[in-house]
Amino acid sequence: MDYSSLQNGSDIRGVAMEGVAGQEVNLTEQACRDIGRGFALWLRGRLGKDDLRVAVGRDSRLTGPALARWIGEALAAEGVAVTDMGMASTPAMFMATVTEGFRFDGAVMVTASHLPFNRNGYKFFTGQGGLEKQDIKAILTLAASDGHTGLPAAARSEGSFMPVYADILCRKVREATGCERPLEGLRIVVDAGNGAGGFYAAQVLEPLGADTTGSRFLDPDGTFPNHIPNPENEAAMAAIRSAVLENKADLGIIFDTDVDRAGAVLSDGSELNRNRIIAMMAAILLREHPGTTIVTDSITSTGLAKFIAAHGGVHHRFKRGYRNVINESIRLNDEGRDSQMAMETSGHGALKENYFLDDGAYLVTRLLMELAKGRREGYTLPSLIADLQEPAESREFRMDLRLPDFKPYGNDIIDQLRDYAAHRPGWALAPNNYEGVRVDLDGDHGDGWFLLRMSLHEPLMPLNMESDSAGGVKAIARELVPFLQRFDKLDTAALAEFAR
């Protein structure tokens, strides 16, 4: 079998159930069992030991119980002792490898993040963190082989880790505030989108004293009947915003399906996601770690870069992809350059103090600490980002590349655009750019910037544009359309229509 098509960066993802026309199931029972065998072989080779223990958890997807059972049975058949933790979050499964009294050799999370109901997949961890792309490739190669560990079969058992993980978060807040119930008198609402994040209301917020009246969609439901559990989704953010305003809440929290990402809504209904949540976390961390470097993905705004600099930090804009951003921050630290946070505009945020784990629940727990501290000292969360300059407009176009071998074609577009931009009046190539072509434009050509890059995994080119004035994004699009229409395999129809 060739399982390479199931790799999605540092994750495994595929179609796990029927129900969407034209999407054939490829994450089959056989594939899942082979992947379990592959992980057993990989883990034994990596750790060099025979008495292996692995924890398995899952989010609310309909296929989660079956995929957890299949991979668990395969691991046990290869001599790995398996503990099924049931419903869990992705960050919790990593924590099961480093928490005293547990310290599993490895962990598996059954999830496909925010993808549609028919999809599912696996994420893998050791005590050193999430596996990298090359590790997933190796596991899939072993899954396609006929190799076995040769160890006698081990036992499977059931366990529970989410209460332990929730208690870890509660203790963090209590230690930071010196108070048993620091959220007493605050109303905080949660929207879990029927994913795995519903635990946060009852097991974290309420023990800390918060009133969670008005929280929504806390019960797990793999059909996701209310909205996509995704802090980047407009309907999802509208749902948590209405919950905040209708219930006069002090804060609203929204998670993605497996809780490795989060967004928030402030008491006035303003959204705290993308550039805004990065700015908020940067402001908090820069007070504690002056001069630290904040690593972000490539599409963060010019205003955010100015904000970080004004607060005494260094902004390091890197590539898209949460593992890319995290690994870059780790690399900087290894070189002796302090970097306390790596965060993508998607809501993936990882802190040095928390194993560089992208953990949505930990991220909002940090906000809770600040909310309680601000109430005691007389400031608010919005005041922390009052000086953040935000664009008047922003827009993204995802343009298909209509040919099988799309990467050389797309890279040629980028190379030609880079040369074109270097000689075009009013355009300035952004310095220290690590991905695609980022160009700043002066006021006569649409005051703002654009970034054209290759998608990480798909045959398309995302184009992001921001402007500091109304109508500026359209002006930038008009500048770009004549150049991009030279390439007949690039679908510029939607961009051209917008630019008219």
Protein backbone atom coordinates (compact mmCIF):
# COMPACT_ATOMS: atom_id res chain seq x y z
CA MET A 1 0.00 0.00 0.00
CA ASP A 2 1.07 3.58 -0.65
CA TYR A 3 -0.13 5.77 2.22
CA SER A 4 1.85 8.89 1.32
CA SER A 5 -1.31 10.72 0.18
CA LEU A 6 -2.54 10.66 3.79
CA GLN A 7 0.26 12.94 4.94
CA ASN A 8 -0.70 16.55 5.57
CA GLY A 9 2.46 18.23 6.77
CA SER A 10 3.10 16.95 10.29
CA ASP A 11 -0.34 15.30 10.54
CA ILE A 12 -2.16 12.40 8.92
CA ARG A 13 -5.56 13.26 7.43
CA GLY A 14 -8.00 11.56 5.12
CA VAL A 15 -11.61 10.83 4.27
CA ALA A 16 -12.87 8.55 7.06
CA MET A 17 -16.54 8.15 6.19
CA GLU A 18 -18.89 8.41 3.25
CA GLY A 19 -21.33 11.26 2.91
CA VAL A 20 -19.71 13.77 0.57
CA ALA A 21 -20.07 13.20 -3.16
CA GLY A 22 -16.82 12.50 -4.95
CA GLN A 23 -14.86 11.85 -1.76
CA GLU A 24 -13.96 8.19 -1.43
CA VAL A 25 -12.89 6.83 1.95
CA ASN A 26 -9.10 6.45 2.06
CA LEU A 27 -8.55 6.42 5.82
CA THR A 28 -9.83 2.85 5.96
CA GLU A 29 -9.70 0.37 8.83
CA GLN A 30 -6.73 -1.33 7.18
CA ALA A 31 -4.93 1.98 6.78
CA CYS A 32 -5.52 2.88 10.44
CA ARG A 33 -4.27 -0.48 11.67
CA ASP A 34 -1.20 -0.25 9.44
CA ILE A 35 -0.51 3.27 10.71
CA GLY A 36 -0.71 1.96 14.27
CA ARG A 37 1.80 -0.76 13.42
CA GLY A 38 4.00 1.87 11.73
CA PHE A 39 3.90 4.10 14.81
CA ALA A 40 4.85 1.16 17.05
CA LEU A 41 7.86 0.40 14.86
CA TRP A 42 8.85 4.07 14.65
CA LEU A 43 8.47 4.67 18.41
CA ARG A 44 10.46 1.58 19.33
CA GLY A 45 13.23 2.63 16.94
CA ARG A 46 13.24 6.20 18.23
CA LEU A 47 13.24 5.39 21.94
CA GLY A 48 15.17 2.10 21.80
CA LYS A 49 13.01 0.34 24.38
CA ASP A 50 10.52 -2.52 24.40
CA ASP A 51 8.20 -1.61 27.30
CA LEU A 52 6.33 1.15 25.50
CA ARG A 53 3.19 2.93 26.73
CA VAL A 54 0.96 5.07 24.49
CA ALA A 55 -2.10 7.18 25.28
CA VAL A 56 -4.85 7.58 22.66
CA GLY A 57 -7.45 10.37 22.65
CA ARG A 58 -10.02 11.71 20.20
CA ASP A 59 -12.21 14.71 19.50
CA SER A 60 -15.94 14.62 18.81
CA ARG A 61 -15.85 13.40 15.22
CA LEU A 62 -18.29 10.62 14.35
CA THR A 63 -15.49 8.31 13.24
CA GLY A 64 -13.34 9.04 16.29
CA PRO A 65 -14.23 5.95 18.40
CA ALA A 66 -13.53 3.56 15.52
CA LEU A 67 -10.25 5.21 14.52
CA ALA A 68 -9.09 5.27 18.15
CA ARG A 69 -9.96 1.58 18.58
CA TRP A 70 -8.29 0.50 15.32
CA ILE A 71 -5.00 2.25 16.02
CA GLY A 72 -5.09 1.18 19.67
CA GLU A 73 -5.60 -2.48 18.79
CA ALA A 74 -2.79 -2.32 16.24
CA LEU A 75 -0.40 -0.79 18.77
CA ALA A 76 -1.30 -3.37 21.40
CA ALA A 77 -0.79 -6.19 18.89
CA GLU A 78 2.78 -4.90 18.42
CA GLY A 79 3.52 -4.99 22.16
CA VAL A 80 2.65 -1.40 23.08
CA ALA A 81 0.50 -0.91 26.20
CA VAL A 82 -2.36 1.38 25.21
CA THR A 83 -4.56 3.57 27.41
CA ASP A 84 -7.67 4.94 25.70
CA MET A 85 -8.38 8.38 27.18
CA GLY A 86 -11.67 8.85 25.30
CA MET A 87 -12.71 12.42 24.55
CA ALA A 88 -9.67 14.68 24.82
CA SER A 89 -7.96 17.72 23.37
CA THR A 90 -4.81 17.62 21.27
CA PRO A 91 -2.73 19.64 23.77
CA ALA A 92 -3.87 17.37 26.61
CA MET A 93 -2.59 14.33 24.74
CA PHE A 94 0.87 15.87 24.57
CA MET A 95 0.70 16.77 28.26
CA ALA A 96 0.06 13.09 29.02
CA THR A 97 3.66 12.45 27.90
CA VAL A 98 5.23 14.97 30.34
CA THR A 99 2.90 15.05 33.37
CA GLU A 100 4.11 13.36 36.54
CA GLY A 101 2.26 10.12 37.18
CA PHE A 102 1.54 9.58 33.49
CA ARG A 103 4.60 10.22 31.29
CA PHE A 104 3.51 8.05 28.38
CA ASP A 105 6.21 7.25 25.83
CA GLY A 106 3.94 8.46 23.06
CA ALA A 107 0.46 9.78 22.43
CA VAL A 108 -1.98 9.72 19.53
CA MET A 109 -4.77 12.22 18.97
CA VAL A 110 -7.57 11.30 16.57
CA THR A 111 -8.58 14.56 14.90
CA ALA A 112 -8.77 16.47 11.64
CA SER A 113 -8.99 19.87 13.34
CA HIS A 114 -11.68 22.05 11.69
CA LEU A 115 -12.12 19.97 8.51
CA PRO A 116 -15.62 18.70 7.50
CA PHE A 117 -17.39 15.91 9.39
CA ASN A 118 -16.35 13.16 6.95
CA ARG A 119 -12.64 13.77 7.52
CA ASN A 120 -10.42 12.52 10.29
CA GLY A 121 -6.78 11.81 11.01
CA TYR A 122 -3.99 11.37 13.55
CA LYS A 123 -1.52 13.59 15.37
CA PHE A 124 1.41 12.03 17.20
CA PHE A 125 3.50 13.11 20.19
CA THR A 126 6.46 12.06 22.28
CA GLY A 127 7.77 13.86 25.34
CA GLN A 128 9.81 16.05 22.97
CA GLY A 129 6.69 17.43 21.32
CA GLY A 130 4.71 16.89 18.14
CA LEU A 131 6.23 14.81 15.38
CA GLU A 132 7.73 16.54 12.35
CA LYS A 133 7.01 16.02 8.65
CA GLN A 134 9.89 13.60 8.23
CA ASP A 135 8.62 11.53 11.17
CA ILE A 136 5.16 11.21 9.63
CA LYS A 137 6.74 10.20 6.34
CA ALA A 138 8.73 7.51 8.14
CA ILE A 139 5.63 6.19 9.95
CA LEU A 140 3.68 5.95 6.69
CA THR A 141 6.62 4.17 5.05
CA LEU A 142 6.68 1.65 7.89
CA ALA A 143 2.89 1.32 7.67
CA ALA A 144 3.26 0.28 4.02
CA SER A 145 5.88 -2.33 4.89
CA ASP A 146 5.32 -5.82 6.29
CA GLY A 147 7.44 -5.14 9.39
CA HIS A 148 6.48 -6.09 12.96
CA THR A 149 8.07 -5.48 16.33
CA GLY A 150 8.05 -9.16 17.23
CA LEU A 151 7.01 -8.27 20.79
CA PRO A 152 4.24 -10.17 22.61
CA ALA A 153 0.85 -8.48 22.53
CA ALA A 154 0.21 -5.90 25.25
CA ALA A 155 -2.92 -4.84 27.08
CA ARG A 156 -5.42 -2.09 26.24
CA SER A 157 -7.12 -0.20 29.04
CA GLU A 158 -9.30 2.85 29.58
CA GLY A 159 -8.17 5.97 31.38
CA SER A 160 -8.96 9.64 31.93
CA PHE A 161 -6.66 12.62 31.57
CA MET A 162 -8.84 15.66 30.86
CA PRO A 163 -9.61 16.33 34.57
CA VAL A 164 -5.86 16.26 35.26
CA TYR A 165 -5.17 18.64 32.37
CA ALA A 166 -7.97 20.99 33.47
CA ASP A 167 -6.55 21.04 37.00
CA ILE A 168 -3.14 22.00 35.59
CA LEU A 169 -4.75 25.06 33.95
CA CYS A 170 -6.64 25.97 37.13
CA ARG A 171 -3.45 25.80 39.19
CA LYS A 172 -1.67 28.09 36.70
CA VAL A 173 -4.31 30.80 37.23
CA ARG A 174 -4.38 30.39 41.00
CA GLU A 175 -0.60 30.57 41.25
CA ALA A 176 -0.48 33.67 39.02
CA THR A 177 -3.21 35.50 40.96
CA GLY A 178 -2.70 34.18 44.49
CA CYS A 179 -6.42 33.57 44.73
CA GLU A 180 -8.53 30.41 44.88
CA ARG A 181 -11.43 31.86 42.85
CA PRO A 182 -9.92 34.82 40.96
CA LEU A 183 -12.74 34.96 38.39
CA GLU A 184 -15.51 35.46 40.96
CA GLY A 185 -17.95 38.08 39.67
CA LEU A 186 -16.93 37.69 36.03
CA ARG A 187 -19.11 36.22 33.33
CA ILE A 188 -17.16 34.29 30.71
CA VAL A 189 -18.88 32.40 27.90
CA VAL A 190 -17.45 29.53 25.87
CA ASP A 191 -18.34 28.34 22.38
CA ALA A 192 -16.86 24.89 21.80
CA GLY A 193 -18.55 24.42 18.42
CA ASN A 194 -19.58 20.89 19.56
CA GLY A 195 -15.91 19.89 19.51
CA ALA A 196 -13.74 18.73 22.41
CA GLY A 197 -13.47 22.12 24.16
CA GLY A 198 -16.67 22.00 26.19
CA PHE A 199 -14.73 20.84 29.26
CA TYR A 200 -13.26 24.33 29.67
CA ALA A 201 -16.46 25.87 31.02
CA ALA A 202 -17.20 23.32 33.75
CA GLN A 203 -13.68 22.13 34.59
CA VAL A 204 -11.67 25.37 34.37
CA LEU A 205 -13.83 28.49 34.44
CA GLU A 206 -16.39 27.45 37.05
CA PRO A 207 -13.85 26.12 39.60
CA LEU A 208 -12.09 29.50 39.27
CA GLY A 209 -15.34 31.29 40.13
CA ALA A 210 -16.57 32.43 36.71
CA ASP A 211 -20.23 32.54 35.74
CA THR A 212 -20.46 30.66 32.42
CA THR A 213 -24.14 31.36 31.78
CA GLY A 214 -24.70 31.82 28.05
CA SER A 215 -22.03 29.38 26.91
CA ARG A 216 -22.92 27.57 23.70
CA PHE A 217 -22.44 24.28 21.88
CA LEU A 218 -20.48 22.61 24.67
CA ASP A 219 -21.81 19.11 24.02
CA PRO A 220 -19.70 17.01 21.62
CA ASP A 221 -21.45 16.38 18.29
CA GLY A 222 -19.43 15.20 15.32
CA THR A 223 -21.96 16.50 12.80
CA PHE A 224 -21.06 20.05 13.92
CA PRO A 225 -24.70 21.17 13.59
CA ASN A 226 -24.26 24.81 14.63
CA HIS A 227 -21.12 26.10 12.92
CA ILE A 228 -17.65 24.98 11.93
CA PRO A 229 -15.47 24.87 15.08
CA ASN A 230 -12.87 27.27 13.75
CA PRO A 231 -11.85 30.69 15.15
CA GLU A 232 -11.15 31.85 11.58
CA ASN A 233 -14.71 31.11 10.43
CA GLU A 234 -17.03 34.14 10.18
CA ALA A 235 -20.11 32.25 11.36
CA ALA A 236 -18.21 30.84 14.33
CA MET A 237 -16.95 34.27 15.39
CA ALA A 238 -20.42 35.75 14.92
CA ALA A 239 -21.82 33.07 17.26
CA ILE A 240 -19.42 33.80 20.11
CA ARG A 241 -19.81 37.55 19.57
CA SER A 242 -23.59 37.33 19.93
CA ALA A 243 -23.15 35.17 23.05
CA VAL A 244 -20.96 37.86 24.62
CA LEU A 245 -23.28 40.74 23.79
CA GLU A 246 -26.53 38.95 24.67
CA ASN A 247 -25.19 37.83 28.04
CA LYS A 248 -23.19 40.99 28.82
CA ALA A 249 -20.14 38.80 29.31
CA ASP A 250 -16.70 40.05 30.29
CA LEU A 251 -15.04 37.70 27.79
CA GLY A 252 -15.98 35.15 25.18
CA ILE A 253 -13.82 32.16 24.25
CA ILE A 254 -14.02 30.00 21.12
CA PHE A 255 -12.04 26.85 20.34
CA ASP A 256 -11.47 24.78 17.26
CA THR A 257 -12.46 21.09 17.27
CA ASP A 258 -9.41 19.71 19.07
CA VAL A 259 -8.59 22.85 21.13
CA ASP A 260 -5.12 23.55 19.78
CA ARG A 261 -6.42 26.91 18.49
CA ALA A 262 -8.51 29.61 20.13
CA GLY A 263 -10.01 33.02 19.58
CA ALA A 264 -11.81 35.40 21.89
CA VAL A 265 -14.30 38.27 21.97
CA LEU A 266 -13.92 41.22 24.34
CA SER A 267 -16.78 42.63 26.42
CA ASP A 268 -17.62 45.29 23.80
CA GLY A 269 -18.07 42.63 21.12
CA SER A 270 -14.74 43.26 19.37
CA GLU A 271 -13.06 40.13 18.07
CA LEU A 272 -9.74 39.00 19.44
CA ASN A 273 -8.26 36.86 16.69
CA ARG A 274 -5.65 37.03 13.94
CA ASN A 275 -3.40 40.12 14.42
CA ARG A 276 -5.31 41.27 17.50
CA ILE A 277 -4.77 38.17 19.62
CA ILE A 278 -1.10 38.07 18.63
CA ALA A 279 -0.79 41.71 19.72
CA MET A 280 -2.55 40.98 23.02
CA MET A 281 -0.28 38.06 23.85
CA ALA A 282 2.79 40.03 22.72
CA ALA A 283 1.88 42.93 25.04
CA ILE A 284 1.53 40.52 27.98
CA LEU A 285 4.77 38.67 27.30
CA LEU A 286 6.84 41.78 26.55
CA ARG A 287 6.10 43.13 30.02
CA GLU A 288 7.54 39.92 31.47
CA HIS A 289 10.31 39.43 28.89
CA PRO A 290 11.42 42.82 27.52
CA GLY A 291 13.05 42.62 24.11
CA THR A 292 11.87 39.12 23.30
CA THR A 293 11.27 38.08 19.70
CA ILE A 294 7.71 37.30 18.60
CA VAL A 295 7.62 34.90 15.63
CA THR A 296 4.54 35.06 13.39
CA ASP A 297 3.45 33.75 10.01
CA SER A 298 3.89 35.69 6.80
CA ILE A 299 0.50 37.40 6.56
CA THR A 300 0.57 39.47 9.74
CA SER A 301 -0.07 43.17 9.31
CA THR A 302 2.29 46.11 9.19
CA GLY A 303 0.42 47.51 12.18
CA LEU A 304 1.28 44.46 14.26
CA ALA A 305 4.98 44.83 13.43
CA LYS A 306 4.86 48.48 14.58
CA PHE A 307 2.96 47.48 17.74
CA ILE A 308 5.54 44.86 18.76
CA ALA A 309 8.40 47.31 18.13
CA ALA A 310 6.64 50.06 20.11
CA HIS A 311 6.29 47.68 23.06
CA GLY A 312 10.00 46.91 23.01
CA GLY A 313 9.91 43.62 21.16
CA VAL A 314 11.26 42.22 17.91
CA HIS A 315 8.85 41.00 15.24
CA HIS A 316 10.13 38.07 13.20
CA ARG A 317 7.70 37.44 10.35
CA PHE A 318 8.26 33.91 9.00
CA LYS A 319 6.36 31.36 6.91
CA ARG A 320 2.81 30.03 7.04
CA GLY A 321 2.34 26.70 8.80
CA TYR A 322 2.13 26.34 12.56
CA ARG A 323 5.06 23.91 12.72
CA ASN A 324 7.17 26.31 10.63
CA VAL A 325 6.47 29.17 13.04
CA ILE A 326 7.06 27.07 16.17
CA ASN A 327 10.27 25.53 14.85
CA GLU A 328 11.61 28.95 13.88
CA SER A 329 11.05 30.24 17.41
CA ILE A 330 12.78 27.16 18.82
CA ARG A 331 15.67 27.70 16.40
CA LEU A 332 16.09 31.30 17.53
CA ASN A 333 16.21 30.21 21.17
CA ASP A 334 18.77 27.53 20.32
CA GLU A 335 20.92 30.29 18.79
CA GLY A 336 20.71 32.31 22.01
CA ARG A 337 18.05 34.79 20.85
CA ASP A 338 15.15 34.81 23.30
CA SER A 339 11.79 34.13 21.64
CA GLN A 340 8.89 33.61 24.03
CA MET A 341 6.11 33.10 21.51
CA ALA A 342 5.37 31.67 18.08
CA MET A 343 1.91 32.38 16.73
CA GLU A 344 0.03 32.06 13.47
CA THR A 345 -2.89 34.28 12.50
CA SER A 346 -4.96 31.06 12.36
CA GLY A 347 -4.95 30.99 16.18
CA HIS A 348 -2.14 28.46 16.63
CA GLY A 349 -0.14 29.96 19.49
CA ALA A 350 2.81 28.35 21.28
CA LEU A 351 4.66 29.76 24.29
CA LYS A 352 8.18 28.93 25.40
CA GLU A 353 6.92 28.55 28.98
CA ASN A 354 4.52 25.79 27.84
CA TYR A 355 6.78 23.40 25.91
CA PHE A 356 6.18 25.40 22.69
CA LEU A 357 2.90 23.51 22.50
CA ASP A 358 0.19 25.09 20.33
CA ASP A 359 -2.53 25.01 22.97
CA GLY A 360 -5.68 27.09 22.60
CA ALA A 361 -6.78 26.38 26.17
CA TYR A 362 -3.44 27.49 27.61
CA LEU A 363 -3.56 30.63 25.48
CA VAL A 364 -6.94 31.74 26.83
CA THR A 365 -5.89 30.71 30.33
CA ARG A 366 -3.16 33.30 29.96
CA LEU A 367 -5.86 35.82 29.05
CA LEU A 368 -7.78 34.86 32.20
CA MET A 369 -4.73 35.61 34.32
CA GLU A 370 -4.52 39.04 32.74
CA LEU A 371 -8.26 39.64 33.08
CA ALA A 372 -8.11 38.92 36.82
CA LYS A 373 -4.93 40.95 37.26
CA GLY A 374 -6.36 43.91 35.35
CA ARG A 375 -9.49 43.96 37.48
CA ARG A 376 -7.31 44.11 40.59
CA GLU A 377 -4.93 46.77 39.24
CA GLY A 378 -7.42 48.90 37.31
CA TYR A 379 -6.86 48.15 33.62
CA THR A 380 -8.76 46.19 30.99
CA LEU A 381 -7.84 43.73 28.29
CA PRO A 382 -8.78 46.19 25.49
CA SER A 383 -6.36 48.75 26.94
CA LEU A 384 -3.46 46.40 26.19
CA ILE A 385 -3.95 46.78 22.43
CA ALA A 386 -5.35 50.32 22.32
CA ASP A 387 -2.35 51.49 20.27
CA LEU A 388 -2.55 48.69 17.70
CA GLN A 389 -2.92 50.19 14.21
CA GLU A 390 -5.41 48.09 12.28
CA PRO A 391 -5.99 48.11 8.53
CA ALA A 392 -9.12 49.66 7.11
CA GLU A 393 -9.53 46.70 4.76
CA SER A 394 -8.13 43.23 4.24
CA ARG A 395 -8.89 40.53 1.71
CA GLU A 396 -7.65 37.10 0.67
CA PHE A 397 -8.02 35.46 -2.74
CA ARG A 398 -7.11 31.79 -3.24
CA MET A 399 -6.29 31.33 -6.91
CA ASP A 400 -6.18 27.81 -8.35
CA LEU A 401 -3.23 26.57 -10.38
CA ARG A 402 -4.80 24.53 -13.18
CA LEU A 403 -2.10 22.03 -14.10
CA PRO A 404 -0.82 18.77 -12.54
CA ASP A 405 2.78 19.84 -11.94
CA PHE A 406 1.82 23.13 -10.30
CA LYS A 407 4.81 23.93 -8.08
CA PRO A 408 7.34 24.93 -10.79
CA TYR A 409 4.68 27.06 -12.48
CA GLY A 410 3.74 28.79 -9.22
CA ASN A 411 7.34 29.38 -8.25
CA ASP A 412 8.00 30.93 -11.66
CA ILE A 413 5.13 33.38 -11.08
CA ILE A 414 6.70 34.35 -7.75
CA ASP A 415 10.14 34.82 -9.31
CA GLN A 416 8.76 37.00 -12.11
CA LEU A 417 6.63 39.04 -9.69
CA ARG A 418 9.65 39.65 -7.47
CA ASP A 419 11.60 41.03 -10.43
CA TYR A 420 8.57 43.04 -11.62
CA ALA A 421 8.05 44.57 -8.16
CA ALA A 422 11.71 45.55 -7.83
CA HIS A 423 11.39 47.85 -10.85
CA ARG A 424 7.84 49.16 -10.50
CA PRO A 425 7.40 52.74 -9.18
CA GLY A 426 5.55 52.92 -5.88
CA TRP A 427 6.28 49.30 -5.01
CA ALA A 428 8.89 48.22 -2.44
CA LEU A 429 9.85 44.62 -1.72
CA ALA A 430 9.53 43.90 1.99
CA PRO A 431 12.87 43.16 3.67
CA ASN A 432 13.50 39.85 5.47
CA ASN A 433 10.69 38.08 3.66
CA TYR A 434 10.75 34.29 3.99
CA GLU A 435 7.79 33.28 1.85
CA GLY A 436 6.49 34.29 -1.56
CA VAL A 437 6.59 37.98 -2.52
CA ARG A 438 5.53 40.66 -0.07
CA VAL A 439 5.31 44.21 -1.42
CA ASP A 440 4.58 47.53 0.30
CA LEU A 441 2.76 50.11 -1.83
CA ASP A 442 2.72 53.89 -1.47
CA GLY A 443 -0.49 55.92 -1.35
CA ASP A 444 -0.74 56.48 -5.10
CA HIS A 445 -0.91 52.74 -5.73
CA GLY A 446 -3.10 51.63 -2.82
CA ASP A 447 -1.61 52.34 0.61
CA GLY A 448 -0.91 48.96 2.16
CA TRP A 449 0.72 45.69 1.17
CA PHE A 450 0.16 42.40 -0.60
CA LEU A 451 1.67 38.94 -0.28
CA LEU A 452 1.50 36.29 -2.99
CA ARG A 453 2.69 32.82 -1.99
CA MET A 454 2.32 29.15 -2.76
CA SER A 455 -0.10 27.13 -0.64
CA LEU A 456 1.65 24.69 1.68
CA HIS A 457 -0.21 21.64 0.40
CA GLU A 458 -2.71 22.57 -2.32
CA PRO A 459 -2.44 23.55 -6.02
CA LEU A 460 -3.27 27.20 -5.43
CA MET A 461 -1.73 30.58 -4.69
CA PRO A 462 -3.16 32.65 -1.82
CA LEU A 463 -3.04 36.41 -2.30
CA ASN A 464 -3.40 38.53 0.85
CA MET A 465 -3.92 42.30 0.66
CA GLU A 466 -4.33 44.98 3.33
CA SER A 467 -4.90 48.71 3.05
CA ASP A 468 -4.99 51.58 5.49
CA SER A 469 -7.79 53.36 3.65
CA ALA A 470 -11.22 52.50 2.26
CA GLY A 471 -10.97 51.31 -1.32
CA GLY A 472 -7.27 50.61 -1.01
CA VAL A 473 -7.54 46.85 -1.41
CA LYS A 474 -9.34 47.28 -4.71
CA ALA A 475 -6.62 49.70 -5.84
CA ILE A 476 -3.97 47.07 -5.01
CA ALA A 477 -5.94 44.43 -6.92
CA ARG A 478 -6.09 46.70 -9.96
CA GLU A 479 -2.31 47.06 -9.81
CA LEU A 480 -1.85 43.29 -9.72
CA VAL A 481 -4.40 41.99 -12.23
CA PRO A 482 -2.56 42.99 -15.46
CA PHE A 483 0.56 41.19 -14.29
CA LEU A 484 -1.15 38.04 -13.00
CA GLN A 485 -3.35 37.64 -16.08
CA ARG A 486 -0.21 36.88 -18.10
CA PHE A 487 -0.27 33.39 -16.56
CA ASP A 488 -3.05 31.40 -18.19
CA LYS A 489 -2.83 28.46 -15.74
CA LEU A 490 -3.54 30.75 -12.78
CA ASP A 491 -7.24 31.32 -12.12
CA THR A 492 -7.49 35.10 -11.64
CA ALA A 493 -11.22 35.39 -12.49
CA ALA A 494 -12.42 36.28 -8.98
CA LEU A 495 -9.61 38.78 -8.46
CA ALA A 496 -10.27 40.43 -11.84
CA GLU A 497 -14.00 40.68 -11.09
CA PHE A 498 -13.28 42.28 -7.72
CA ALA A 499 -10.86 44.78 -9.27
CA ARG A 500 -13.42 46.13 -11.78
